[in-house]
């Protein structure tokens, strides 16, 4: 039986219990115990769920998502409102004019440089368990066009979901480590003024 046939059968079973929350919970627990634990233990970012004030968690998540897309992010420290614009924003091409005056007093967070993005890939690969996947991905990032090669391999890899989780954790930790204190300080200052 092919992988697609097996997947179709699994999805048919899931679909048949989609309205039964008890069975879905049982299935989820089984899948997490049987499959997830083994493939997600490698990440060194165990602190990506750092204990921060719940008030800031959605903001950190949103900033991280925009940074992952290569956007420049602006945070209003008084209201915690977020706005963003693609780094290579072109108002003529998009037909949309971004209002930079609106964000002039906001905290600006630049997207990562390519060498920083490379370090995320490199760290991910270094922390994979020894095996063919690790070897292939290590070769991909050492050669010509490392980003293209890595993306091609990771999207056809068993480590695909781990990569997305790793990268998300990394970006959230980056925001927390580099910008959260500044945002909190300025947010607290608004209450003092």
N, C-alpha and C. Protein backbone atom coordinates (compact mmCIF):
# COMPACT_ATOMS: atom_id res chain seq x y z
N UNK A 1 0.85 -1.17 0.00
CA UNK A 1 0.00 0.00 0.00
C UNK A 1 0.90 1.25 0.00
N UNK A 2 0.57 2.24 -0.83
CA UNK A 2 1.38 3.45 -0.92
C UNK A 2 1.12 4.38 0.26
N UNK A 3 2.02 5.32 0.44
CA UNK A 3 1.86 6.31 1.52
C UNK A 3 0.56 7.09 1.36
N UNK A 4 0.22 7.44 0.13
CA UNK A 4 -1.02 8.20 -0.10
C UNK A 4 -2.24 7.38 0.29
N UNK A 5 -2.23 6.08 -0.03
CA UNK A 5 -3.35 5.22 0.35
C UNK A 5 -3.46 5.11 1.87
N UNK A 6 -2.31 4.95 2.52
CA UNK A 6 -2.31 4.87 3.98
C UNK A 6 -2.84 6.16 4.60
N UNK A 7 -2.38 7.28 4.05
CA UNK A 7 -2.83 8.58 4.55
C UNK A 7 -4.33 8.74 4.34
N UNK A 8 -4.83 8.35 3.18
CA UNK A 8 -6.27 8.43 2.91
C UNK A 8 -7.08 7.63 3.93
N UNK A 9 -6.59 6.43 4.26
CA UNK A 9 -7.30 5.60 5.24
C UNK A 9 -7.28 6.26 6.62
N UNK A 10 -6.13 6.81 7.01
CA UNK A 10 -6.03 7.51 8.31
C UNK A 10 -6.99 8.69 8.36
N UNK A 11 -7.00 9.47 7.29
CA UNK A 11 -7.88 10.65 7.25
C UNK A 11 -9.35 10.25 7.27
N UNK A 12 -9.69 9.14 6.62
CA UNK A 12 -11.07 8.66 6.63
C UNK A 12 -11.51 8.31 8.05
N UNK A 13 -10.62 7.68 8.81
CA UNK A 13 -10.94 7.35 10.20
C UNK A 13 -11.12 8.62 11.02
N UNK A 14 -10.21 9.55 10.84
CA UNK A 14 -10.31 10.82 11.58
C UNK A 14 -11.60 11.52 11.22
N UNK A 15 -11.92 11.55 9.94
CA UNK A 15 -13.15 12.21 9.50
C UNK A 15 -14.38 11.55 10.12
N UNK A 16 -14.34 10.23 10.29
CA UNK A 16 -15.50 9.53 10.85
C UNK A 16 -15.74 9.85 12.32
N UNK A 17 -14.72 10.34 13.02
CA UNK A 17 -14.89 10.66 14.45
C UNK A 17 -14.79 12.17 14.70
N UNK A 18 -14.88 12.97 13.66
CA UNK A 18 -14.66 14.41 13.79
C UNK A 18 -15.61 15.11 14.75
N UNK A 19 -16.77 14.56 14.98
CA UNK A 19 -17.75 15.19 15.87
C UNK A 19 -17.73 14.59 17.28
N UNK A 20 -16.82 13.68 17.54
CA UNK A 20 -16.75 13.00 18.83
C UNK A 20 -15.49 13.44 19.56
N UNK A 21 -15.62 14.46 20.42
CA UNK A 21 -14.44 15.05 21.06
C UNK A 21 -13.68 14.05 21.93
N UNK A 22 -14.39 13.11 22.56
CA UNK A 22 -13.71 12.12 23.41
C UNK A 22 -12.78 11.23 22.56
N UNK A 23 -13.30 10.73 21.42
CA UNK A 23 -12.46 9.92 20.55
C UNK A 23 -11.31 10.73 19.94
N UNK A 24 -11.58 11.97 19.59
CA UNK A 24 -10.51 12.82 19.05
C UNK A 24 -9.42 13.04 20.08
N UNK A 25 -9.80 13.28 21.33
CA UNK A 25 -8.81 13.45 22.40
C UNK A 25 -7.98 12.18 22.58
N UNK A 26 -8.65 11.03 22.55
CA UNK A 26 -7.95 9.74 22.67
C UNK A 26 -6.95 9.56 21.53
N UNK A 27 -7.40 9.87 20.31
CA UNK A 27 -6.53 9.75 19.15
C UNK A 27 -5.34 10.71 19.25
N UNK A 28 -5.60 11.94 19.64
CA UNK A 28 -4.54 12.92 19.78
C UNK A 28 -3.51 12.46 20.80
N UNK A 29 -3.99 11.99 21.94
CA UNK A 29 -3.08 11.52 22.99
C UNK A 29 -2.23 10.36 22.48
N UNK A 30 -2.85 9.42 21.78
CA UNK A 30 -2.11 8.29 21.22
C UNK A 30 -1.03 8.78 20.24
N UNK A 31 -1.42 9.67 19.33
CA UNK A 31 -0.48 10.16 18.32
C UNK A 31 0.67 10.92 18.97
N UNK A 32 0.37 11.75 19.96
CA UNK A 32 1.44 12.48 20.64
C UNK A 32 2.39 11.53 21.36
N UNK A 33 1.83 10.52 22.02
CA UNK A 33 2.67 9.56 22.74
C UNK A 33 3.51 8.70 21.80
N UNK A 34 2.92 8.30 20.69
CA UNK A 34 3.60 7.38 19.78
C UNK A 34 4.56 8.05 18.81
N UNK A 35 4.23 9.26 18.36
CA UNK A 35 4.98 9.84 17.27
C UNK A 35 5.69 11.15 17.59
N UNK A 36 5.04 12.04 18.26
CA UNK A 36 5.57 13.39 18.44
C UNK A 36 6.79 13.40 19.35
N UNK A 37 6.74 12.70 20.45
CA UNK A 37 7.80 12.74 21.44
C UNK A 37 9.16 12.45 20.83
N UNK A 38 9.24 11.41 20.02
CA UNK A 38 10.52 11.00 19.45
C UNK A 38 11.11 12.05 18.54
N UNK A 39 10.30 12.74 17.76
CA UNK A 39 10.84 13.66 16.78
C UNK A 39 11.02 15.07 17.31
N UNK A 40 10.45 15.39 18.46
CA UNK A 40 10.57 16.76 18.93
C UNK A 40 11.51 16.92 20.11
N UNK A 41 12.10 15.85 20.59
CA UNK A 41 12.99 15.95 21.74
C UNK A 41 14.30 16.65 21.43
N UNK A 42 14.67 16.80 20.17
CA UNK A 42 15.98 17.31 19.83
C UNK A 42 16.13 18.81 20.04
N UNK A 43 15.07 19.56 20.04
CA UNK A 43 15.19 21.01 20.04
C UNK A 43 15.80 21.54 21.33
N UNK A 44 16.83 22.39 21.22
CA UNK A 44 17.43 22.96 22.41
C UNK A 44 16.65 24.17 22.91
N UNK A 45 15.58 24.54 22.23
CA UNK A 45 14.82 25.72 22.62
C UNK A 45 13.71 25.36 23.60
N UNK A 46 14.09 24.65 24.65
CA UNK A 46 13.09 24.27 25.63
C UNK A 46 12.53 25.48 26.34
N UNK A 47 13.26 26.59 26.28
CA UNK A 47 12.78 27.80 26.94
C UNK A 47 11.98 28.69 26.00
N UNK A 48 11.54 28.16 24.85
CA UNK A 48 10.77 28.99 23.93
C UNK A 48 9.40 29.30 24.51
N UNK A 49 9.00 28.60 25.53
CA UNK A 49 7.76 28.91 26.23
C UNK A 49 8.11 29.63 27.53
N UNK A 50 8.98 30.61 27.40
CA UNK A 50 9.42 31.37 28.57
C UNK A 50 8.22 31.95 29.30
N UNK A 51 8.35 32.02 30.58
CA UNK A 51 7.27 32.56 31.39
C UNK A 51 7.27 34.08 31.25
N UNK A 52 6.35 34.57 30.46
CA UNK A 52 6.19 36.01 30.32
C UNK A 52 4.74 36.33 30.64
N UNK A 53 4.51 37.56 30.96
CA UNK A 53 3.16 38.02 31.29
C UNK A 53 2.23 37.65 30.13
N UNK A 54 1.10 37.04 30.44
CA UNK A 54 0.14 36.60 29.42
C UNK A 54 -0.31 37.75 28.52
N UNK A 55 -0.26 38.95 29.04
CA UNK A 55 -0.64 40.15 28.29
C UNK A 55 0.24 40.31 27.04
N UNK A 56 1.50 39.85 27.12
CA UNK A 56 2.44 40.06 26.02
C UNK A 56 2.58 38.85 25.09
N UNK A 57 2.07 37.69 25.47
CA UNK A 57 2.23 36.47 24.67
C UNK A 57 1.67 36.62 23.25
N UNK A 58 0.41 37.11 23.06
CA UNK A 58 -0.10 37.25 21.69
C UNK A 58 0.73 38.23 20.85
N UNK A 59 1.21 39.30 21.50
CA UNK A 59 2.01 40.29 20.79
C UNK A 59 3.32 39.65 20.32
N UNK A 60 3.99 38.90 21.19
CA UNK A 60 5.25 38.24 20.84
C UNK A 60 5.03 37.29 19.67
N UNK A 61 3.96 36.52 19.73
CA UNK A 61 3.62 35.57 18.67
C UNK A 61 3.41 36.30 17.34
N UNK A 62 2.66 37.40 17.38
CA UNK A 62 2.38 38.14 16.14
C UNK A 62 3.64 38.76 15.56
N UNK A 63 4.48 39.34 16.41
CA UNK A 63 5.73 39.93 15.93
C UNK A 63 6.59 38.85 15.28
N UNK A 64 6.70 37.69 15.95
CA UNK A 64 7.50 36.59 15.42
C UNK A 64 6.99 36.14 14.06
N UNK A 65 5.68 36.07 13.90
CA UNK A 65 5.10 35.65 12.61
C UNK A 65 5.47 36.63 11.50
N UNK A 66 5.38 37.93 11.79
CA UNK A 66 5.76 38.92 10.77
C UNK A 66 7.25 38.84 10.45
N UNK A 67 8.08 38.65 11.46
CA UNK A 67 9.52 38.54 11.22
C UNK A 67 9.84 37.31 10.36
N UNK A 68 9.13 36.21 10.60
CA UNK A 68 9.32 35.01 9.79
C UNK A 68 9.02 35.28 8.32
N UNK A 69 8.08 36.20 8.06
CA UNK A 69 7.72 36.54 6.68
C UNK A 69 8.65 37.60 6.09
N UNK A 70 9.63 38.06 6.87
CA UNK A 70 10.58 39.05 6.37
C UNK A 70 10.07 40.48 6.44
N UNK A 71 9.13 40.75 7.33
CA UNK A 71 8.57 42.10 7.46
C UNK A 71 9.36 42.93 8.47
N UNK A 72 9.30 44.25 8.28
CA UNK A 72 9.72 45.18 9.31
C UNK A 72 8.50 45.35 10.20
N UNK A 73 8.69 45.22 11.51
CA UNK A 73 7.56 45.26 12.44
C UNK A 73 7.66 46.54 13.28
N UNK A 74 6.52 47.16 13.48
CA UNK A 74 6.44 48.35 14.32
C UNK A 74 5.50 48.05 15.48
N UNK A 75 5.94 48.38 16.70
CA UNK A 75 5.14 48.12 17.89
C UNK A 75 4.91 49.45 18.61
N UNK A 76 3.64 49.77 18.82
CA UNK A 76 3.30 50.94 19.61
C UNK A 76 3.41 50.51 21.07
N UNK A 77 4.43 51.00 21.79
CA UNK A 77 4.63 50.53 23.16
C UNK A 77 3.55 50.99 24.13
N UNK A 78 2.80 52.01 23.76
CA UNK A 78 1.74 52.50 24.65
C UNK A 78 0.49 51.62 24.56
N UNK A 79 0.13 51.23 23.31
CA UNK A 79 -1.10 50.46 23.11
C UNK A 79 -0.84 48.98 22.80
N UNK A 80 0.42 48.65 22.50
CA UNK A 80 0.85 47.31 22.08
C UNK A 80 0.28 46.93 20.71
N UNK A 81 -0.18 47.93 19.95
CA UNK A 81 -0.66 47.70 18.58
C UNK A 81 0.55 47.41 17.70
N UNK A 82 0.34 46.54 16.73
CA UNK A 82 1.43 46.13 15.83
C UNK A 82 1.04 46.45 14.40
N UNK A 83 2.04 46.89 13.65
CA UNK A 83 1.87 47.08 12.21
C UNK A 83 3.14 46.57 11.56
N UNK A 84 3.06 46.24 10.29
CA UNK A 84 4.25 45.73 9.62
C UNK A 84 4.19 46.09 8.15
N UNK A 85 5.35 46.00 7.54
CA UNK A 85 5.47 46.23 6.10
C UNK A 85 6.58 45.30 5.60
N UNK A 86 6.40 44.69 4.42
CA UNK A 86 7.48 43.85 3.90
C UNK A 86 8.77 44.65 3.77
N UNK A 87 9.89 44.02 4.03
CA UNK A 87 11.18 44.72 3.98
C UNK A 87 11.40 45.38 2.63
N UNK A 88 11.06 44.71 1.56
CA UNK A 88 11.25 45.25 0.22
C UNK A 88 9.95 45.85 -0.31
N UNK A 89 9.26 46.55 0.55
CA UNK A 89 7.96 47.15 0.23
C UNK A 89 8.09 48.14 -0.92
N UNK A 90 7.19 48.04 -1.86
CA UNK A 90 7.16 48.93 -3.01
C UNK A 90 5.71 49.39 -3.21
N UNK A 91 5.44 50.67 -2.88
CA UNK A 91 4.07 51.16 -2.95
C UNK A 91 3.54 51.16 -4.39
N UNK A 92 4.42 51.33 -5.36
CA UNK A 92 3.96 51.33 -6.74
C UNK A 92 3.51 49.94 -7.17
N UNK A 93 4.23 48.92 -6.75
CA UNK A 93 3.90 47.55 -7.14
C UNK A 93 2.65 47.05 -6.42
N UNK A 94 2.49 47.46 -5.16
CA UNK A 94 1.37 46.93 -4.37
C UNK A 94 0.12 47.79 -4.47
N UNK A 95 0.29 49.05 -4.79
CA UNK A 95 -0.86 49.95 -4.82
C UNK A 95 -1.28 50.40 -3.42
N UNK A 96 -0.50 50.01 -2.42
CA UNK A 96 -0.80 50.35 -1.03
C UNK A 96 0.29 51.27 -0.51
N UNK A 97 -0.12 52.36 0.12
CA UNK A 97 0.86 53.31 0.65
C UNK A 97 0.93 53.15 2.16
N UNK A 98 2.09 52.74 2.66
CA UNK A 98 2.28 52.55 4.09
C UNK A 98 2.53 53.90 4.75
N UNK A 99 1.86 54.16 5.87
CA UNK A 99 1.97 55.43 6.57
C UNK A 99 3.08 55.38 7.63
N UNK A 100 4.29 55.77 7.22
CA UNK A 100 5.43 55.73 8.13
C UNK A 100 5.31 56.77 9.24
N UNK A 101 4.61 57.88 8.99
CA UNK A 101 4.44 58.91 10.03
C UNK A 101 3.69 58.34 11.23
N UNK A 102 2.72 57.46 10.95
CA UNK A 102 1.93 56.87 12.01
C UNK A 102 2.79 56.09 13.00
N UNK A 103 3.88 55.51 12.51
CA UNK A 103 4.71 54.62 13.34
C UNK A 103 6.04 55.24 13.76
N UNK A 104 6.18 56.55 13.60
CA UNK A 104 7.48 57.18 13.86
C UNK A 104 7.92 57.08 15.32
N UNK A 105 7.00 57.02 16.27
CA UNK A 105 7.37 56.89 17.68
C UNK A 105 7.28 55.45 18.19
N UNK A 106 7.06 54.53 17.28
CA UNK A 106 6.91 53.12 17.65
C UNK A 106 8.28 52.44 17.65
N UNK A 107 8.37 51.31 18.29
CA UNK A 107 9.60 50.52 18.29
C UNK A 107 9.66 49.75 16.97
N UNK A 108 10.77 49.91 16.26
CA UNK A 108 10.94 49.27 14.96
C UNK A 108 11.80 48.01 15.13
N UNK A 109 11.33 46.91 14.56
CA UNK A 109 12.06 45.65 14.62
C UNK A 109 12.33 45.20 13.19
N UNK A 110 13.60 45.21 12.84
CA UNK A 110 14.01 44.83 11.49
C UNK A 110 13.99 43.31 11.34
N UNK A 111 13.69 42.82 10.13
CA UNK A 111 13.76 41.37 9.92
C UNK A 111 15.22 40.90 10.02
N UNK A 112 15.41 39.63 10.13
CA UNK A 112 16.76 39.08 10.27
C UNK A 112 17.56 39.26 8.99
N UNK A 113 18.85 39.39 9.17
CA UNK A 113 19.77 39.38 8.04
C UNK A 113 19.90 37.93 7.56
N UNK A 114 20.37 37.74 6.34
CA UNK A 114 20.44 36.38 5.81
C UNK A 114 21.38 35.49 6.63
N UNK A 115 22.46 36.05 7.17
CA UNK A 115 23.36 35.22 7.96
C UNK A 115 22.70 34.76 9.26
N UNK A 116 21.77 35.57 9.80
CA UNK A 116 21.03 35.16 10.99
C UNK A 116 20.03 34.05 10.66
N UNK A 117 19.37 34.17 9.52
CA UNK A 117 18.45 33.13 9.08
C UNK A 117 19.21 31.83 8.82
N UNK A 118 20.41 31.96 8.28
CA UNK A 118 21.25 30.78 8.06
C UNK A 118 21.58 30.11 9.39
N UNK A 119 21.85 30.91 10.42
CA UNK A 119 22.18 30.35 11.73
C UNK A 119 21.03 29.54 12.31
N UNK A 120 19.79 29.93 12.02
CA UNK A 120 18.63 29.16 12.49
C UNK A 120 18.65 27.78 11.82
N UNK A 121 18.84 27.76 10.51
CA UNK A 121 18.90 26.48 9.78
C UNK A 121 20.04 25.62 10.31
N UNK A 122 21.19 26.24 10.48
CA UNK A 122 22.38 25.52 10.93
C UNK A 122 22.16 24.92 12.33
N UNK A 123 21.57 25.69 13.22
CA UNK A 123 21.28 25.22 14.57
C UNK A 123 20.29 24.06 14.53
N UNK A 124 19.27 24.18 13.70
CA UNK A 124 18.28 23.12 13.57
C UNK A 124 18.95 21.82 13.13
N UNK A 125 19.77 21.91 12.10
CA UNK A 125 20.43 20.73 11.55
C UNK A 125 21.38 20.11 12.59
N UNK A 126 22.13 20.94 13.29
CA UNK A 126 23.06 20.43 14.30
C UNK A 126 22.34 19.65 15.39
N UNK A 127 21.11 20.01 15.68
CA UNK A 127 20.37 19.39 16.77
C UNK A 127 19.50 18.21 16.34
N UNK A 128 19.54 17.88 15.07
CA UNK A 128 18.81 16.69 14.60
C UNK A 128 19.53 15.43 15.06
N UNK A 129 18.78 14.36 15.27
CA UNK A 129 19.44 13.09 15.59
C UNK A 129 20.27 12.62 14.40
N UNK A 130 21.35 11.92 14.69
CA UNK A 130 22.22 11.41 13.64
C UNK A 130 21.41 10.50 12.72
N UNK A 131 21.60 10.69 11.42
CA UNK A 131 20.89 9.87 10.45
C UNK A 131 20.96 10.49 9.07
N UNK A 132 20.27 9.88 8.13
CA UNK A 132 20.31 10.33 6.73
C UNK A 132 19.72 11.73 6.58
N UNK A 133 18.61 12.02 7.29
CA UNK A 133 17.98 13.35 7.17
C UNK A 133 18.97 14.43 7.58
N UNK A 134 19.63 14.23 8.70
CA UNK A 134 20.61 15.21 9.18
C UNK A 134 21.73 15.38 8.17
N UNK A 135 22.22 14.29 7.64
CA UNK A 135 23.31 14.33 6.67
C UNK A 135 22.90 15.08 5.40
N UNK A 136 21.71 14.80 4.89
CA UNK A 136 21.22 15.48 3.68
C UNK A 136 21.07 16.98 3.92
N UNK A 137 20.45 17.33 5.05
CA UNK A 137 20.23 18.75 5.33
C UNK A 137 21.54 19.47 5.60
N UNK A 138 22.49 18.81 6.24
CA UNK A 138 23.81 19.42 6.49
C UNK A 138 24.51 19.70 5.17
N UNK A 139 24.44 18.74 4.25
CA UNK A 139 25.05 18.95 2.93
C UNK A 139 24.36 20.08 2.17
N UNK A 140 23.05 20.17 2.32
CA UNK A 140 22.28 21.20 1.61
C UNK A 140 22.69 22.60 2.04
N UNK A 141 22.91 22.80 3.34
CA UNK A 141 23.23 24.17 3.80
C UNK A 141 24.71 24.51 3.64
N UNK A 142 25.53 23.52 3.35
CA UNK A 142 26.96 23.79 3.14
C UNK A 142 27.27 24.11 1.68
N UNK A 143 26.39 23.76 0.78
CA UNK A 143 26.65 23.93 -0.63
C UNK A 143 26.17 25.26 -1.18
N UNK A 144 26.12 25.31 -2.50
CA UNK A 144 25.64 26.48 -3.24
C UNK A 144 24.13 26.61 -3.03
N UNK A 145 23.62 27.82 -2.87
CA UNK A 145 22.20 28.09 -2.64
C UNK A 145 21.65 27.34 -1.43
N UNK A 146 22.21 27.58 -0.26
CA UNK A 146 21.79 26.82 0.93
C UNK A 146 20.31 26.97 1.28
N UNK A 147 19.75 28.16 1.13
CA UNK A 147 18.33 28.36 1.49
C UNK A 147 17.41 27.57 0.57
N UNK A 148 17.65 27.65 -0.72
CA UNK A 148 16.82 26.93 -1.70
C UNK A 148 16.95 25.42 -1.50
N UNK A 149 18.18 24.96 -1.32
CA UNK A 149 18.40 23.52 -1.13
C UNK A 149 17.76 23.02 0.16
N UNK A 150 17.92 23.79 1.23
CA UNK A 150 17.33 23.39 2.52
C UNK A 150 15.82 23.35 2.41
N UNK A 151 15.22 24.39 1.83
CA UNK A 151 13.76 24.45 1.70
C UNK A 151 13.23 23.29 0.87
N UNK A 152 13.90 22.98 -0.21
CA UNK A 152 13.45 21.86 -1.04
C UNK A 152 13.48 20.55 -0.24
N UNK A 153 14.55 20.31 0.48
CA UNK A 153 14.67 19.06 1.24
C UNK A 153 13.73 19.01 2.44
N UNK A 154 13.63 20.12 3.17
CA UNK A 154 12.84 20.10 4.40
C UNK A 154 11.36 19.91 4.10
N UNK A 155 10.89 20.45 2.99
CA UNK A 155 9.47 20.32 2.65
C UNK A 155 9.11 18.91 2.20
N UNK A 156 10.11 18.11 1.90
CA UNK A 156 9.88 16.71 1.52
C UNK A 156 10.50 15.78 2.56
N UNK A 157 10.54 16.25 3.80
CA UNK A 157 11.24 15.53 4.85
C UNK A 157 10.30 15.20 6.00
N UNK A 158 10.67 14.20 6.76
CA UNK A 158 9.94 13.87 7.98
C UNK A 158 10.15 14.89 9.08
N UNK A 159 11.09 15.79 8.90
CA UNK A 159 11.40 16.82 9.89
C UNK A 159 10.71 18.15 9.58
N UNK A 160 9.84 18.16 8.59
CA UNK A 160 9.17 19.39 8.14
C UNK A 160 8.47 20.12 9.29
N UNK A 161 7.60 19.43 10.01
CA UNK A 161 6.85 20.06 11.11
C UNK A 161 7.79 20.49 12.23
N UNK A 162 8.81 19.67 12.51
CA UNK A 162 9.78 20.06 13.54
C UNK A 162 10.50 21.35 13.14
N UNK A 163 10.79 21.49 11.86
CA UNK A 163 11.45 22.70 11.37
C UNK A 163 10.56 23.92 11.62
N UNK A 164 9.28 23.82 11.26
CA UNK A 164 8.38 24.95 11.46
C UNK A 164 8.26 25.29 12.94
N UNK A 165 8.14 24.28 13.79
CA UNK A 165 8.05 24.52 15.23
C UNK A 165 9.33 25.13 15.77
N UNK A 166 10.46 24.62 15.31
CA UNK A 166 11.76 25.12 15.75
C UNK A 166 11.92 26.59 15.38
N UNK A 167 11.62 26.88 14.11
CA UNK A 167 11.77 28.25 13.62
C UNK A 167 10.84 29.21 14.38
N UNK A 168 9.60 28.80 14.62
CA UNK A 168 8.66 29.63 15.37
C UNK A 168 9.17 29.89 16.78
N UNK A 169 9.63 28.83 17.45
CA UNK A 169 10.19 29.00 18.80
C UNK A 169 11.38 29.94 18.78
N UNK A 170 12.22 29.78 17.77
CA UNK A 170 13.42 30.61 17.67
C UNK A 170 13.03 32.09 17.52
N UNK A 171 12.08 32.39 16.65
CA UNK A 171 11.66 33.78 16.44
C UNK A 171 11.01 34.36 17.69
N UNK A 172 10.17 33.57 18.36
CA UNK A 172 9.55 34.06 19.60
C UNK A 172 10.62 34.36 20.65
N UNK A 173 11.58 33.46 20.78
CA UNK A 173 12.67 33.68 21.74
C UNK A 173 13.48 34.92 21.36
N UNK A 174 13.71 35.11 20.07
CA UNK A 174 14.44 36.29 19.57
C UNK A 174 13.72 37.58 19.98
N UNK A 175 12.41 37.61 19.80
CA UNK A 175 11.63 38.79 20.19
C UNK A 175 11.70 39.01 21.70
N UNK A 176 11.52 37.94 22.45
CA UNK A 176 11.56 38.04 23.91
C UNK A 176 12.92 38.52 24.39
N UNK A 177 13.99 37.92 23.87
CA UNK A 177 15.34 38.26 24.31
C UNK A 177 15.78 39.66 23.91
N UNK A 178 15.33 40.14 22.75
CA UNK A 178 15.87 41.39 22.21
C UNK A 178 14.96 42.61 22.30
N UNK A 179 13.65 42.40 22.42
CA UNK A 179 12.74 43.54 22.35
C UNK A 179 11.71 43.63 23.47
N UNK A 180 11.40 42.53 24.11
CA UNK A 180 10.30 42.54 25.06
C UNK A 180 10.54 43.49 26.23
N UNK A 181 11.75 43.50 26.78
CA UNK A 181 12.01 44.41 27.91
C UNK A 181 11.80 45.86 27.54
N UNK A 182 12.26 46.25 26.36
CA UNK A 182 12.07 47.63 25.90
C UNK A 182 10.59 47.96 25.75
N UNK A 183 9.83 47.04 25.18
CA UNK A 183 8.40 47.24 25.00
C UNK A 183 7.70 47.36 26.35
N UNK A 184 8.04 46.47 27.27
CA UNK A 184 7.43 46.49 28.60
C UNK A 184 7.76 47.78 29.33
N UNK A 185 9.04 48.19 29.28
CA UNK A 185 9.45 49.44 29.95
C UNK A 185 8.66 50.63 29.44
N UNK A 186 8.57 50.74 28.12
CA UNK A 186 7.83 51.88 27.55
C UNK A 186 6.35 51.76 27.82
N UNK A 187 5.82 50.55 27.83
CA UNK A 187 4.40 50.35 28.14
C UNK A 187 4.12 50.73 29.60
N UNK A 188 5.02 50.38 30.48
CA UNK A 188 4.85 50.75 31.90
C UNK A 188 5.01 52.25 32.10
N UNK A 189 5.89 52.90 31.34
CA UNK A 189 6.09 54.33 31.45
C UNK A 189 4.82 55.11 31.07
N UNK A 190 4.02 54.56 30.16
CA UNK A 190 2.79 55.26 29.76
C UNK A 190 1.86 55.39 30.95
N UNK A 191 1.91 54.39 31.85
CA UNK A 191 1.05 54.42 33.02
C UNK A 191 1.55 55.41 34.07
N UNK A 192 2.86 55.70 34.01
CA UNK A 192 3.43 56.64 34.99
C UNK A 192 3.24 58.08 34.56
N UNK A 193 3.11 58.30 33.24
CA UNK A 193 2.97 59.68 32.74
C UNK A 193 1.55 60.17 32.79
